[in-house]
Amino acid sequence: MRTHLALMAALVFGATAWATPLLRCEVTYAGSAHLLEATPVTDPYPVVSRDIGGRFWFKPVMVGQGSRVDYVKLYAYLDTRQQPLLIHEAIYLPPFQTGETAYPLTGTHHLYAGPVERELIYSCTLQGAQP
């Protein structure tokens, strides 16, 4: 009986002790693709934006702790002479699909900005989130 309980406990804890959730975004500008990854943070403010081709900045933020994801925010900025200009903010709230298999969180987004309407394309997947 003890062996049975130990096995059941191992299965339960093994199923709930999954890897850290992973947000993976593919961001494309001018034919060049960038793969950006984010894991949960408790404070979103120190997360840095990533330069995309010298024209845009992209910032994926996943706030949560352990395998719990509280929310996902995605920011896209146009790089201007004065400062980066926010052109897009997307917010994703729970419930999220759970499991270790990555699934499309965002679909494909096409953003246009600047004097000649440069195009930034992105899509993100999420995996490993738990309720």
C-alpha atoms as a PDB file:
ATOM      1  CA  MET A   1       0.000   0.000   0.000  1.00  0.00           C
ATOM      2  CA  ARG A   2       2.829   2.434   0.840  1.00  0.00           C
ATOM      3  CA  THR A   3       4.472   1.732  -2.498  1.00  0.00           C
ATOM      4  CA  HIS A   4       1.173   2.466  -4.203  1.00  0.00           C
ATOM      5  CA  LEU A   5       0.805   5.796  -2.337  1.00  0.00           C
ATOM      6  CA  ALA A   6       4.411   6.769  -3.047  1.00  0.00           C
ATOM      7  CA  LEU A   7       3.913   6.043  -6.742  1.00  0.00           C
ATOM      8  CA  MET A   8       0.682   8.067  -6.829  1.00  0.00           C
ATOM      9  CA  ALA A   9       2.376  10.989  -5.040  1.00  0.00           C
ATOM     10  CA  ALA A  10       5.286  10.890  -7.485  1.00  0.00           C
ATOM     11  CA  LEU A  11       2.871  10.969 -10.404  1.00  0.00           C
ATOM     12  CA  VAL A  12       0.898  13.873  -8.966  1.00  0.00           C
ATOM     13  CA  PHE A  13       3.953  15.929  -8.021  1.00  0.00           C
ATOM     14  CA  GLY A  14       5.702  15.024 -11.261  1.00  0.00           C
ATOM     15  CA  ALA A  15       2.706  16.216 -13.271  1.00  0.00           C
ATOM     16  CA  THR A  16       2.484  19.517 -11.426  1.00  0.00           C
ATOM     17  CA  ALA A  17       6.212  20.249 -11.211  1.00  0.00           C
ATOM     18  CA  TRP A  18       6.557  21.141 -14.873  1.00  0.00           C
ATOM     19  CA  ALA A  19       9.190  23.329 -16.352  1.00  0.00           C
ATOM     20  CA  THR A  20       8.946  27.089 -16.190  1.00  0.00           C
ATOM     21  CA  PRO A  21       6.460  28.550 -18.704  1.00  0.00           C
ATOM     22  CA  LEU A  22       8.044  29.851 -21.876  1.00  0.00           C
ATOM     23  CA  LEU A  23       6.778  32.637 -24.109  1.00  0.00           C
ATOM     24  CA  ARG A  24       8.466  32.473 -27.500  1.00  0.00           C
ATOM     25  CA  CYS A  25       7.944  35.243 -30.071  1.00  0.00           C
ATOM     26  CA  GLU A  26       9.136  35.278 -33.652  1.00  0.00           C
ATOM     27  CA  VAL A  27       9.540  38.869 -34.780  1.00  0.00           C
ATOM     28  CA  THR A  28      10.302  39.667 -38.414  1.00  0.00           C
ATOM     29  CA  TYR A  29      11.361  42.927 -40.026  1.00  0.00           C
ATOM     30  CA  ALA A  30      12.814  43.394 -43.527  1.00  0.00           C
ATOM     31  CA  GLY A  31      13.124  39.642 -44.053  1.00  0.00           C
ATOM     32  CA  SER A  32      15.159  39.106 -40.894  1.00  0.00           C
ATOM     33  CA  ALA A  33      13.594  36.943 -38.171  1.00  0.00           C
ATOM     34  CA  HIS A  34      14.401  37.278 -34.475  1.00  0.00           C
ATOM     35  CA  LEU A  35      13.422  34.686 -31.866  1.00  0.00           C
ATOM     36  CA  LEU A  36      12.710  36.267 -28.479  1.00  0.00           C
ATOM     37  CA  GLU A  37      11.948  34.250 -25.360  1.00  0.00           C
ATOM     38  CA  ALA A  38      10.515  35.287 -22.008  1.00  0.00           C
ATOM     39  CA  THR A  39      10.008  33.451 -18.739  1.00  0.00           C
ATOM     40  CA  PRO A  40       7.877  34.640 -15.809  1.00  0.00           C
ATOM     41  CA  VAL A  41       9.035  37.660 -13.845  1.00  0.00           C
ATOM     42  CA  THR A  42       7.492  39.209 -10.747  1.00  0.00           C
ATOM     43  CA  ASP A  43       8.412  42.770 -11.736  1.00  0.00           C
ATOM     44  CA  PRO A  44       7.773  43.722 -15.385  1.00  0.00           C
ATOM     45  CA  TYR A  45       9.654  47.036 -15.334  1.00  0.00           C
ATOM     46  CA  PRO A  46      13.260  45.782 -15.613  1.00  0.00           C
ATOM     47  CA  VAL A  47      12.434  43.666 -18.701  1.00  0.00           C
ATOM     48  CA  VAL A  48      14.378  45.172 -21.600  1.00  0.00           C
ATOM     49  CA  SER A  49      13.134  45.845 -25.115  1.00  0.00           C
ATOM     50  CA  ARG A  50      15.013  44.175 -27.960  1.00  0.00           C
ATOM     51  CA  ASP A  51      16.217  46.019 -31.047  1.00  0.00           C
ATOM     52  CA  ILE A  52      14.655  44.726 -34.256  1.00  0.00           C
ATOM     53  CA  GLY A  53      16.596  45.786 -37.325  1.00  0.00           C
ATOM     54  CA  GLY A  54      17.385  49.276 -36.062  1.00  0.00           C
ATOM     55  CA  ARG A  55      13.793  50.391 -36.788  1.00  0.00           C
ATOM     56  CA  PHE A  56      11.684  48.781 -34.087  1.00  0.00           C
ATOM     57  CA  TRP A  57      11.912  47.595 -30.492  1.00  0.00           C
ATOM     58  CA  PHE A  58       9.929  44.625 -29.176  1.00  0.00           C
ATOM     59  CA  LYS A  59       9.320  43.759 -25.525  1.00  0.00           C
ATOM     60  CA  PRO A  60       7.648  40.490 -24.476  1.00  0.00           C
ATOM     61  CA  VAL A  61       6.684  40.430 -20.789  1.00  0.00           C
ATOM     62  CA  MET A  62       5.240  37.453 -18.910  1.00  0.00           C
ATOM     63  CA  VAL A  63       4.347  38.146 -15.284  1.00  0.00           C
ATOM     64  CA  GLY A  64       3.859  35.250 -12.911  1.00  0.00           C
ATOM     65  CA  GLN A  65       5.650  32.954 -10.549  1.00  0.00           C
ATOM     66  CA  GLY A  66       6.661  29.326 -10.925  1.00  0.00           C
ATOM     67  CA  SER A  67       4.359  27.702 -13.455  1.00  0.00           C
ATOM     68  CA  ARG A  68       1.577  30.274 -12.921  1.00  0.00           C
ATOM     69  CA  VAL A  69       1.203  33.037 -15.512  1.00  0.00           C
ATOM     70  CA  ASP A  70      -0.721  36.111 -14.328  1.00  0.00           C
ATOM     71  CA  TYR A  71      -0.604  37.944 -17.652  1.00  0.00           C
ATOM     72  CA  VAL A  72       1.358  38.481 -20.840  1.00  0.00           C
ATOM     73  CA  LYS A  73       1.977  41.912 -22.342  1.00  0.00           C
ATOM     74  CA  LEU A  74       3.659  42.545 -25.682  1.00  0.00           C
ATOM     75  CA  TYR A  75       4.966  45.963 -26.670  1.00  0.00           C
ATOM     76  CA  ALA A  76       6.199  47.187 -30.057  1.00  0.00           C
ATOM     77  CA  TYR A  77       7.937  50.523 -30.498  1.00  0.00           C
ATOM     78  CA  LEU A  78       9.055  52.486 -33.538  1.00  0.00           C
ATOM     79  CA  ASP A  79      12.602  53.774 -33.070  1.00  0.00           C
ATOM     80  CA  THR A  80      12.510  57.562 -33.616  1.00  0.00           C
ATOM     81  CA  ARG A  81      15.180  60.238 -33.279  1.00  0.00           C
ATOM     82  CA  GLN A  82      13.774  61.490 -29.980  1.00  0.00           C
ATOM     83  CA  GLN A  83      12.836  58.185 -28.322  1.00  0.00           C
ATOM     84  CA  PRO A  84      11.093  54.886 -29.025  1.00  0.00           C
ATOM     85  CA  LEU A  85       7.399  55.486 -29.796  1.00  0.00           C
ATOM     86  CA  LEU A  86       4.864  52.907 -28.601  1.00  0.00           C
ATOM     87  CA  ILE A  87       2.865  51.700 -31.615  1.00  0.00           C
ATOM     88  CA  HIS A  88       1.295  48.518 -30.220  1.00  0.00           C
ATOM     89  CA  GLU A  89       0.440  46.962 -26.865  1.00  0.00           C
ATOM     90  CA  ALA A  90      -1.287  43.589 -26.575  1.00  0.00           C
ATOM     91  CA  ILE A  91      -2.492  42.163 -23.265  1.00  0.00           C
ATOM     92  CA  TYR A  92      -3.322  38.493 -22.687  1.00  0.00           C
ATOM     93  CA  LEU A  93      -5.026  37.406 -19.478  1.00  0.00           C
ATOM     94  CA  PRO A  94      -5.768  33.953 -18.017  1.00  0.00           C
ATOM     95  CA  PRO A  95      -7.078  31.412 -18.404  1.00  0.00           C
ATOM     96  CA  PHE A  96      -4.258  30.153 -20.618  1.00  0.00           C
ATOM     97  CA  GLN A  97      -4.151  26.782 -22.283  1.00  0.00           C
ATOM     98  CA  THR A  98      -2.155  24.502 -20.010  1.00  0.00           C
ATOM     99  CA  GLY A  99       0.401  21.863 -20.875  1.00  0.00           C
ATOM    100  CA  GLU A 100       3.916  21.374 -22.095  1.00  0.00           C
ATOM    101  CA  THR A 101       3.034  21.659 -25.772  1.00  0.00           C
ATOM    102  CA  ALA A 102       3.485  25.143 -27.233  1.00  0.00           C
ATOM    103  CA  TYR A 103       0.333  26.669 -28.668  1.00  0.00           C
ATOM    104  CA  PRO A 104      -0.227  29.885 -30.628  1.00  0.00           C
ATOM    105  CA  LEU A 105      -1.068  32.638 -28.149  1.00  0.00           C
ATOM    106  CA  THR A 106      -1.265  35.631 -30.472  1.00  0.00           C
ATOM    107  CA  GLY A 107      -1.813  34.632 -34.055  1.00  0.00           C
ATOM    108  CA  THR A 108       0.188  36.663 -36.583  1.00  0.00           C
ATOM    109  CA  HIS A 109       0.223  40.444 -36.196  1.00  0.00           C
ATOM    110  CA  HIS A 110       1.324  42.910 -38.891  1.00  0.00           C
ATOM    111  CA  LEU A 111       2.238  46.377 -37.612  1.00  0.00           C
ATOM    112  CA  TYR A 112       2.944  49.377 -39.828  1.00  0.00           C
ATOM    113  CA  ALA A 113       4.692  52.543 -38.649  1.00  0.00           C
ATOM    114  CA  GLY A 114       6.983  55.349 -39.668  1.00  0.00           C
ATOM    115  CA  PRO A 115       6.965  57.753 -42.583  1.00  0.00           C
ATOM    116  CA  VAL A 116       7.122  54.954 -45.153  1.00  0.00           C
ATOM    117  CA  GLU A 117       5.001  52.495 -43.145  1.00  0.00           C
ATOM    118  CA  ARG A 118       7.645  49.890 -42.314  1.00  0.00           C
ATOM    119  CA  GLU A 119       6.177  46.477 -41.484  1.00  0.00           C
ATOM    120  CA  LEU A 120       6.893  44.500 -38.322  1.00  0.00           C
ATOM    121  CA  ILE A 121       5.411  40.999 -38.114  1.00  0.00           C
ATOM    122  CA  TYR A 122       5.205  38.930 -34.960  1.00  0.00           C
ATOM    123  CA  SER A 123       3.590  35.828 -33.527  1.00  0.00           C
ATOM    124  CA  CYS A 124       4.029  34.243 -30.103  1.00  0.00           C
ATOM    125  CA  THR A 125       3.518  30.830 -28.576  1.00  0.00           C
ATOM    126  CA  LEU A 126       3.135  29.885 -24.926  1.00  0.00           C
ATOM    127  CA  GLN A 127       3.932  26.607 -23.248  1.00  0.00           C
ATOM    128  CA  GLY A 128       4.125  25.228 -19.734  1.00  0.00           C
ATOM    129  CA  ALA A 129       1.522  27.510 -18.111  1.00  0.00           C
ATOM    130  CA  GLN A 130      -0.484  26.115 -15.214  1.00  0.00           C
ATOM    131  CA  PRO A 131      -3.675  27.453 -13.603  1.00  0.00           C
END
